[in-house]
Amino acid sequence: MAPGEQDGPSEAPESRLGFSLGRDHVSFDVDETVYPLEAIYGGSYLFVDRCFVFLSRPSPRVVNVRLTSRGPAMPAELDALAGEFLNELLSQVTRLRLSQATARIREYYTAAALRAAASAPSVDDLLAELDSEELGDDPLEIQVPWEEKSGEKETEPK
């Protein structure tokens, strides 16, 4: 008899997507050759606020994922939860592969930014440069106070 089979009719609810459903949990196996362990961890992390996540390794390169609801749940809700988890695994794999494909570009830009920051003048250099500049004529009279331009006198506070 295979694991999970019983002699009589099964009283456990059926999963529409082929998952193993329990009273308050759903479990399924994930093949690591399809979904890397990093993607499984990423998907699990995003589900820890919605349910309890338990990962185990029943055999090499296979991870069993068990999602247990935080309260009473209907079989359809558990089935949907497992479906959402597998969709998130696809998203995590895509994100992981994109990250691997663009790693060299990110490394190049990071190195270029660090080189630019190292060659940037310091604040002291910039202040010294400002001090060394000679102030020329002020044709727009920017340095002249408003009172002198308009001819108004300050009034004393009362």
N, C-alpha and C. Protein backbone atom coordinates (compact mmCIF):
# COMPACT_ATOMS: atom_id res chain seq x y z
N MET A 1 0.85 -1.17 0.00
CA MET A 1 0.00 0.00 0.00
C MET A 1 0.90 1.24 0.00
N ALA A 2 0.63 2.18 -0.85
CA ALA A 2 1.42 3.40 -0.95
C ALA A 2 1.09 4.31 0.22
N PRO A 3 2.05 5.19 0.58
CA PRO A 3 1.78 6.13 1.68
C PRO A 3 0.56 6.99 1.35
N GLY A 4 -0.29 7.15 2.33
CA GLY A 4 -1.47 7.99 2.16
C GLY A 4 -2.70 7.21 1.73
N GLU A 5 -2.52 5.95 1.30
CA GLU A 5 -3.68 5.15 0.91
C GLU A 5 -4.27 4.47 2.13
N GLN A 6 -5.59 4.27 2.10
CA GLN A 6 -6.27 3.62 3.21
C GLN A 6 -7.08 2.46 2.66
N ASP A 7 -7.46 1.53 3.56
CA ASP A 7 -8.23 0.37 3.12
C ASP A 7 -9.64 0.76 2.70
N GLY A 8 -10.26 1.64 3.41
CA GLY A 8 -11.65 2.01 3.14
C GLY A 8 -11.72 3.30 2.37
N PRO A 9 -12.92 3.82 2.18
CA PRO A 9 -13.09 5.09 1.49
C PRO A 9 -12.47 6.22 2.30
N SER A 10 -11.83 7.11 1.63
CA SER A 10 -11.13 8.21 2.27
C SER A 10 -12.12 9.26 2.74
N GLU A 11 -11.90 9.76 3.96
CA GLU A 11 -12.76 10.82 4.48
C GLU A 11 -12.09 12.17 4.34
N ALA A 12 -10.81 12.16 3.91
CA ALA A 12 -10.08 13.41 3.73
C ALA A 12 -10.62 14.13 2.50
N PRO A 13 -10.73 15.47 2.56
CA PRO A 13 -11.23 16.21 1.41
C PRO A 13 -10.25 16.11 0.23
N GLU A 14 -10.79 16.20 -0.95
CA GLU A 14 -9.99 16.12 -2.17
C GLU A 14 -9.48 17.51 -2.54
N SER A 15 -8.26 17.56 -3.06
CA SER A 15 -7.69 18.81 -3.54
C SER A 15 -7.94 18.91 -5.04
N ARG A 16 -8.41 20.01 -5.45
CA ARG A 16 -8.66 20.25 -6.87
C ARG A 16 -7.35 20.29 -7.66
N LEU A 17 -6.25 20.70 -6.99
CA LEU A 17 -4.95 20.84 -7.66
C LEU A 17 -4.00 19.68 -7.37
N GLY A 18 -4.45 18.67 -6.63
CA GLY A 18 -3.62 17.50 -6.38
C GLY A 18 -2.75 17.58 -5.14
N PHE A 19 -3.06 18.47 -4.23
CA PHE A 19 -2.30 18.58 -2.99
C PHE A 19 -2.87 17.63 -1.95
N SER A 20 -2.07 17.36 -0.91
CA SER A 20 -2.56 16.55 0.21
C SER A 20 -3.18 17.48 1.23
N LEU A 21 -4.47 17.33 1.45
CA LEU A 21 -5.19 18.19 2.37
C LEU A 21 -5.42 17.47 3.69
N GLY A 22 -5.24 18.21 4.79
CA GLY A 22 -5.56 17.73 6.12
C GLY A 22 -6.67 18.58 6.70
N ARG A 23 -6.92 18.41 7.99
CA ARG A 23 -8.00 19.17 8.62
C ARG A 23 -7.73 20.67 8.58
N ASP A 24 -6.49 21.07 8.83
CA ASP A 24 -6.15 22.50 8.85
C ASP A 24 -4.86 22.80 8.10
N HIS A 25 -4.45 21.87 7.23
CA HIS A 25 -3.20 22.07 6.52
C HIS A 25 -3.26 21.48 5.11
N VAL A 26 -2.30 21.92 4.31
CA VAL A 26 -2.12 21.39 2.97
C VAL A 26 -0.62 21.13 2.80
N SER A 27 -0.27 20.03 2.17
CA SER A 27 1.14 19.74 1.96
C SER A 27 1.37 19.24 0.54
N PHE A 28 2.59 19.45 0.07
CA PHE A 28 2.96 19.05 -1.28
C PHE A 28 4.47 19.02 -1.37
N ASP A 29 4.98 18.27 -2.33
CA ASP A 29 6.42 18.16 -2.55
C ASP A 29 6.83 19.13 -3.65
N VAL A 30 8.03 19.71 -3.48
CA VAL A 30 8.59 20.63 -4.46
C VAL A 30 9.92 20.06 -4.92
N ASP A 31 10.10 19.94 -6.21
CA ASP A 31 11.33 19.41 -6.80
C ASP A 31 12.36 20.53 -6.90
N GLU A 32 13.52 20.34 -6.27
CA GLU A 32 14.56 21.37 -6.28
C GLU A 32 15.22 21.55 -7.63
N THR A 33 15.07 20.59 -8.54
CA THR A 33 15.63 20.78 -9.87
C THR A 33 14.80 21.79 -10.67
N VAL A 34 13.55 21.98 -10.26
CA VAL A 34 12.68 22.97 -10.92
C VAL A 34 12.69 24.28 -10.14
N TYR A 35 12.55 24.19 -8.82
CA TYR A 35 12.50 25.36 -7.95
C TYR A 35 13.70 25.30 -7.00
N PRO A 36 14.72 26.16 -7.20
CA PRO A 36 15.89 26.14 -6.31
C PRO A 36 15.48 26.43 -4.86
N LEU A 37 16.30 25.96 -3.93
CA LEU A 37 16.01 26.12 -2.51
C LEU A 37 15.85 27.59 -2.13
N GLU A 38 16.63 28.48 -2.76
CA GLU A 38 16.50 29.92 -2.48
C GLU A 38 15.10 30.43 -2.83
N ALA A 39 14.53 29.92 -3.91
CA ALA A 39 13.18 30.32 -4.31
C ALA A 39 12.15 29.78 -3.32
N ILE A 40 12.36 28.57 -2.83
CA ILE A 40 11.45 27.99 -1.84
C ILE A 40 11.50 28.80 -0.56
N TYR A 41 12.70 29.18 -0.13
CA TYR A 41 12.83 30.01 1.07
C TYR A 41 12.16 31.37 0.86
N GLY A 42 12.35 31.97 -0.31
CA GLY A 42 11.74 33.27 -0.60
C GLY A 42 10.22 33.20 -0.57
N GLY A 43 9.67 32.17 -1.19
CA GLY A 43 8.21 32.00 -1.18
C GLY A 43 7.70 31.74 0.23
N SER A 44 8.43 30.93 0.99
CA SER A 44 8.03 30.62 2.37
C SER A 44 8.01 31.88 3.22
N TYR A 45 9.03 32.72 3.04
CA TYR A 45 9.12 33.95 3.82
C TYR A 45 7.89 34.85 3.59
N LEU A 46 7.43 34.90 2.35
CA LEU A 46 6.28 35.76 2.05
C LEU A 46 4.97 35.21 2.59
N PHE A 47 4.95 33.94 2.99
CA PHE A 47 3.72 33.33 3.49
C PHE A 47 3.69 33.20 5.02
N VAL A 48 4.76 33.54 5.72
CA VAL A 48 4.78 33.33 7.17
C VAL A 48 3.77 34.21 7.90
N ASP A 49 3.33 35.30 7.31
CA ASP A 49 2.32 36.12 7.99
C ASP A 49 0.90 35.61 7.74
N ARG A 50 0.72 34.71 6.76
CA ARG A 50 -0.60 34.19 6.43
C ARG A 50 -0.87 32.82 7.02
N CYS A 51 0.20 32.02 7.21
CA CYS A 51 0.03 30.66 7.70
C CYS A 51 1.35 30.20 8.31
N PHE A 52 1.32 29.06 8.96
CA PHE A 52 2.54 28.46 9.47
C PHE A 52 3.16 27.65 8.34
N VAL A 53 4.46 27.79 8.13
CA VAL A 53 5.14 27.11 7.04
C VAL A 53 6.15 26.15 7.65
N PHE A 54 6.09 24.89 7.23
CA PHE A 54 7.02 23.89 7.69
C PHE A 54 7.65 23.22 6.47
N LEU A 55 8.97 23.22 6.41
CA LEU A 55 9.69 22.61 5.31
C LEU A 55 10.42 21.37 5.82
N SER A 56 10.37 20.29 5.05
CA SER A 56 11.12 19.08 5.40
C SER A 56 11.67 18.48 4.12
N ARG A 57 12.61 17.56 4.28
CA ARG A 57 13.24 16.93 3.12
C ARG A 57 12.97 15.43 3.17
N PRO A 58 11.93 14.94 2.47
CA PRO A 58 11.63 13.51 2.49
C PRO A 58 12.64 12.69 1.69
N SER A 59 13.27 13.29 0.68
CA SER A 59 14.29 12.61 -0.11
C SER A 59 15.22 13.66 -0.71
N PRO A 60 16.37 13.24 -1.23
CA PRO A 60 17.29 14.22 -1.81
C PRO A 60 16.63 14.99 -2.97
N ARG A 61 16.89 16.28 -3.03
CA ARG A 61 16.40 17.18 -4.07
C ARG A 61 14.87 17.36 -4.07
N VAL A 62 14.23 16.97 -2.96
CA VAL A 62 12.78 17.16 -2.81
C VAL A 62 12.53 17.83 -1.47
N VAL A 63 11.72 18.89 -1.48
CA VAL A 63 11.34 19.59 -0.26
C VAL A 63 9.84 19.46 -0.10
N ASN A 64 9.41 18.99 1.08
CA ASN A 64 7.99 18.92 1.38
C ASN A 64 7.59 20.22 2.06
N VAL A 65 6.58 20.87 1.55
CA VAL A 65 6.07 22.12 2.11
C VAL A 65 4.73 21.82 2.75
N ARG A 66 4.59 22.21 4.01
CA ARG A 66 3.32 22.04 4.72
C ARG A 66 2.88 23.42 5.18
N LEU A 67 1.72 23.84 4.70
CA LEU A 67 1.14 25.13 5.06
C LEU A 67 -0.03 24.86 6.00
N THR A 68 0.07 25.36 7.22
CA THR A 68 -0.97 25.15 8.21
C THR A 68 -1.67 26.48 8.49
N SER A 69 -2.98 26.48 8.39
CA SER A 69 -3.74 27.72 8.58
C SER A 69 -3.63 28.18 10.03
N ARG A 70 -3.78 29.45 10.24
CA ARG A 70 -3.72 30.02 11.59
C ARG A 70 -5.05 29.88 12.31
N GLY A 71 -6.05 29.47 11.62
CA GLY A 71 -7.38 29.25 12.20
C GLY A 71 -8.10 28.21 11.37
N PRO A 72 -9.36 28.00 11.64
CA PRO A 72 -10.13 27.04 10.84
C PRO A 72 -10.14 27.45 9.37
N ALA A 73 -10.00 26.46 8.49
CA ALA A 73 -9.99 26.76 7.05
C ALA A 73 -10.72 25.67 6.30
N MET A 74 -11.41 26.06 5.28
CA MET A 74 -12.12 25.12 4.42
C MET A 74 -11.12 24.50 3.43
N PRO A 75 -11.40 23.32 2.93
CA PRO A 75 -10.50 22.69 1.96
C PRO A 75 -10.23 23.56 0.73
N ALA A 76 -11.22 24.27 0.27
CA ALA A 76 -11.03 25.14 -0.90
C ALA A 76 -10.05 26.27 -0.58
N GLU A 77 -10.10 26.79 0.66
CA GLU A 77 -9.16 27.85 1.06
C GLU A 77 -7.74 27.32 1.13
N LEU A 78 -7.58 26.11 1.66
CA LEU A 78 -6.25 25.50 1.74
C LEU A 78 -5.71 25.21 0.34
N ASP A 79 -6.57 24.75 -0.54
CA ASP A 79 -6.18 24.48 -1.91
C ASP A 79 -5.73 25.77 -2.59
N ALA A 80 -6.47 26.85 -2.38
CA ALA A 80 -6.11 28.15 -2.96
C ALA A 80 -4.80 28.66 -2.37
N LEU A 81 -4.59 28.44 -1.07
CA LEU A 81 -3.36 28.87 -0.42
C LEU A 81 -2.15 28.17 -1.05
N ALA A 82 -2.26 26.86 -1.28
CA ALA A 82 -1.17 26.11 -1.91
C ALA A 82 -0.95 26.58 -3.35
N GLY A 83 -2.02 26.86 -4.07
CA GLY A 83 -1.88 27.37 -5.43
C GLY A 83 -1.17 28.72 -5.46
N GLU A 84 -1.52 29.59 -4.52
CA GLU A 84 -0.85 30.89 -4.44
C GLU A 84 0.63 30.71 -4.09
N PHE A 85 0.92 29.75 -3.22
CA PHE A 85 2.31 29.49 -2.85
C PHE A 85 3.10 29.05 -4.08
N LEU A 86 2.56 28.15 -4.88
CA LEU A 86 3.27 27.71 -6.08
C LEU A 86 3.42 28.83 -7.09
N ASN A 87 2.43 29.70 -7.20
CA ASN A 87 2.58 30.87 -8.08
C ASN A 87 3.70 31.77 -7.58
N GLU A 88 3.80 31.92 -6.26
CA GLU A 88 4.89 32.72 -5.69
C GLU A 88 6.24 32.06 -5.95
N LEU A 89 6.29 30.73 -5.94
CA LEU A 89 7.54 30.04 -6.27
C LEU A 89 7.98 30.39 -7.69
N LEU A 90 7.04 30.42 -8.63
CA LEU A 90 7.39 30.82 -10.00
C LEU A 90 7.95 32.23 -10.03
N SER A 91 7.33 33.12 -9.29
CA SER A 91 7.81 34.50 -9.23
C SER A 91 9.21 34.56 -8.63
N GLN A 92 9.44 33.79 -7.58
CA GLN A 92 10.76 33.78 -6.94
C GLN A 92 11.83 33.22 -7.87
N VAL A 93 11.51 32.19 -8.63
CA VAL A 93 12.47 31.62 -9.58
C VAL A 93 12.81 32.64 -10.66
N THR A 94 11.80 33.34 -11.16
CA THR A 94 12.03 34.37 -12.17
C THR A 94 12.92 35.47 -11.61
N ARG A 95 12.63 35.91 -10.40
CA ARG A 95 13.43 36.95 -9.76
C ARG A 95 14.88 36.49 -9.56
N LEU A 96 15.04 35.25 -9.13
CA LEU A 96 16.38 34.69 -8.90
C LEU A 96 17.16 34.60 -10.20
N ARG A 97 16.53 34.11 -11.25
CA ARG A 97 17.24 33.99 -12.54
C ARG A 97 17.57 35.36 -13.13
N LEU A 98 16.67 36.31 -12.98
CA LEU A 98 16.95 37.67 -13.46
C LEU A 98 18.11 38.27 -12.68
N SER A 99 18.13 38.04 -11.39
CA SER A 99 19.23 38.52 -10.55
C SER A 99 20.56 37.92 -10.98
N GLN A 100 20.57 36.63 -11.28
CA GLN A 100 21.79 35.98 -11.73
C GLN A 100 22.23 36.49 -13.09
N ALA A 101 21.26 36.75 -13.97
CA ALA A 101 21.59 37.21 -15.32
C ALA A 101 22.13 38.64 -15.33
N THR A 102 21.74 39.45 -14.38
CA THR A 102 22.17 40.86 -14.36
C THR A 102 23.24 41.14 -13.31
N ALA A 103 23.79 40.10 -12.72
CA ALA A 103 24.78 40.28 -11.64
C ALA A 103 26.00 41.07 -12.11
N ARG A 104 26.52 40.76 -13.28
CA ARG A 104 27.72 41.46 -13.76
C ARG A 104 27.45 42.94 -14.02
N ILE A 105 26.27 43.26 -14.51
CA ILE A 105 25.93 44.66 -14.75
C ILE A 105 25.86 45.41 -13.43
N ARG A 106 25.21 44.82 -12.42
CA ARG A 106 25.13 45.47 -11.10
C ARG A 106 26.52 45.65 -10.50
N GLU A 107 27.38 44.65 -10.64
CA GLU A 107 28.75 44.76 -10.13
C GLU A 107 29.51 45.88 -10.82
N TYR A 108 29.33 46.02 -12.13
CA TYR A 108 30.00 47.08 -12.88
C TYR A 108 29.54 48.45 -12.39
N TYR A 109 28.22 48.65 -12.27
CA TYR A 109 27.72 49.95 -11.82
C TYR A 109 28.12 50.25 -10.39
N THR A 110 28.16 49.25 -9.54
CA THR A 110 28.59 49.47 -8.16
C THR A 110 30.05 49.89 -8.13
N ALA A 111 30.89 49.21 -8.90
CA ALA A 111 32.31 49.56 -8.95
C ALA A 111 32.51 50.96 -9.51
N ALA A 112 31.75 51.31 -10.55
CA ALA A 112 31.86 52.66 -11.13
C ALA A 112 31.43 53.72 -10.12
N ALA A 113 30.38 53.45 -9.37
CA ALA A 113 29.92 54.42 -8.36
C ALA A 113 30.95 54.58 -7.26
N LEU A 114 31.57 53.49 -6.84
CA LEU A 114 32.60 53.58 -5.80
C LEU A 114 33.83 54.32 -6.30
N ARG A 115 34.22 54.10 -7.56
CA ARG A 115 35.35 54.85 -8.12
C ARG A 115 35.04 56.33 -8.19
N ALA A 116 33.83 56.66 -8.60
CA ALA A 116 33.44 58.07 -8.71
C ALA A 116 33.41 58.72 -7.33
N ALA A 117 32.94 58.00 -6.33
CA ALA A 117 32.88 58.56 -4.98
C ALA A 117 34.29 58.75 -4.42
N ALA A 118 35.20 57.86 -4.77
CA ALA A 118 36.57 57.98 -4.26
C ALA A 118 37.29 59.17 -4.89
N SER A 119 36.96 59.51 -6.14
CA SER A 119 37.65 60.60 -6.81
C SER A 119 36.94 61.94 -6.63
N ALA A 120 35.81 61.98 -5.98
CA ALA A 120 35.07 63.23 -5.78
C ALA A 120 35.83 64.11 -4.78
N PRO A 121 35.81 65.42 -5.01
CA PRO A 121 36.52 66.32 -4.08
C PRO A 121 35.84 66.33 -2.72
N SER A 122 36.63 66.54 -1.70
CA SER A 122 36.09 66.59 -0.35
C SER A 122 35.46 67.96 -0.09
N VAL A 123 34.77 68.07 1.00
CA VAL A 123 34.14 69.34 1.38
C VAL A 123 35.21 70.40 1.61
N ASP A 124 36.30 70.00 2.24
CA ASP A 124 37.39 70.96 2.48
C ASP A 124 37.97 71.49 1.16
N ASP A 125 38.11 70.61 0.16
CA ASP A 125 38.61 71.05 -1.14
C ASP A 125 37.65 72.03 -1.79
N LEU A 126 36.37 71.76 -1.70
CA LEU A 126 35.37 72.66 -2.28
C LEU A 126 35.36 74.01 -1.58
N LEU A 127 35.48 74.02 -0.25
CA LEU A 127 35.52 75.29 0.48
C LEU A 127 36.78 76.08 0.15
N ALA A 128 37.90 75.40 0.02
CA ALA A 128 39.14 76.07 -0.35
C ALA A 128 39.04 76.68 -1.74
N GLU A 129 38.37 75.98 -2.65
CA GLU A 129 38.18 76.50 -4.00
C GLU A 129 37.32 77.75 -3.98
N LEU A 130 36.27 77.75 -3.14
CA LEU A 130 35.42 78.94 -3.03
C LEU A 130 36.19 80.11 -2.44
N ASP A 131 37.02 79.86 -1.45
CA ASP A 131 37.80 80.93 -0.83
C ASP A 131 38.80 81.52 -1.81
N SER A 132 39.33 80.71 -2.72
CA SER A 132 40.35 81.19 -3.64
C SER A 132 39.76 81.99 -4.80
N GLU A 133 38.47 81.84 -5.05
CA GLU A 133 37.86 82.58 -6.16
C GLU A 133 37.73 84.05 -5.80
N GLU A 134 38.00 84.88 -6.77
CA GLU A 134 37.83 86.31 -6.55
C GLU A 134 36.41 86.69 -6.94
N LEU A 135 35.83 87.49 -6.11
CA LEU A 135 34.49 87.97 -6.41
C LEU A 135 34.60 89.15 -7.35
N GLY A 136 33.94 89.04 -8.47
CA GLY A 136 34.02 90.08 -9.49
C GLY A 136 32.97 91.16 -9.25
N ASP A 137 32.69 91.89 -10.30
CA ASP A 137 31.67 92.92 -10.23
C ASP A 137 30.31 92.29 -9.93
N ASP A 138 29.42 93.13 -9.41
CA ASP A 138 28.07 92.67 -9.07
C ASP A 138 27.08 93.49 -9.90
N PRO A 139 26.97 93.21 -11.23
CA PRO A 139 26.12 94.06 -12.07
C PRO A 139 24.64 93.98 -11.67
N LEU A 140 24.19 92.91 -11.09
CA LEU A 140 22.79 92.81 -10.69
C LEU A 140 22.57 93.29 -9.26
N GLU A 141 23.60 93.75 -8.62
CA GLU A 141 23.56 94.25 -7.25
C GLU A 141 22.93 93.24 -6.30
N ILE A 142 23.37 92.01 -6.42
CA ILE A 142 22.85 90.96 -5.57
C ILE A 142 23.35 91.12 -4.15
N GLN A 143 24.58 91.63 -4.01
CA GLN A 143 25.15 91.75 -2.68
C GLN A 143 24.72 93.02 -1.95
N VAL A 144 23.98 93.89 -2.62
CA VAL A 144 23.53 95.13 -2.01
C VAL A 144 22.25 94.85 -1.22
N PRO A 145 22.18 95.24 0.06
CA PRO A 145 20.97 95.01 0.85
C PRO A 145 19.76 95.74 0.25
N TRP A 146 18.59 95.24 0.50
CA TRP A 146 17.35 95.77 -0.04
C TRP A 146 17.14 97.22 0.36
N GLU A 147 17.45 97.53 1.58
CA GLU A 147 17.22 98.89 2.06
C GLU A 147 18.04 99.91 1.28
N GLU A 148 19.26 99.54 0.92
CA GLU A 148 20.10 100.46 0.15
C GLU A 148 19.59 100.62 -1.28
N LYS A 149 19.07 99.52 -1.85
CA LYS A 149 18.56 99.59 -3.22
C LYS A 149 17.31 100.46 -3.30
N SER A 150 16.39 100.30 -2.36
CA SER A 150 15.10 100.97 -2.45
C SER A 150 15.11 102.35 -1.76
N GLY A 151 16.12 102.60 -0.98
CA GLY A 151 16.20 103.87 -0.30
C GLY A 151 15.35 103.96 0.92
N GLU A 152 14.76 102.86 1.35
CA GLU A 152 13.93 102.87 2.55
C GLU A 152 14.81 102.75 3.78
N LYS A 153 14.32 103.35 4.86
CA LYS A 153 15.03 103.26 6.12
C LYS A 153 14.30 102.26 7.00
N GLU A 154 15.07 101.60 7.82
CA GLU A 154 14.45 100.64 8.76
C GLU A 154 13.67 101.41 9.81
N THR A 155 12.53 100.89 10.15
CA THR A 155 11.75 101.48 11.22
C THR A 155 12.09 100.76 12.50
N GLU A 156 12.13 101.53 13.56
CA GLU A 156 12.46 100.94 14.85
C GLU A 156 11.25 100.21 15.41
N PRO A 157 11.45 99.07 16.04
CA PRO A 157 10.33 98.34 16.64
C PRO A 157 9.74 99.14 17.78
N LYS A 158 8.43 99.05 17.92
CA LYS A 158 7.73 99.80 18.97
C LYS A 158 7.54 98.98 20.19
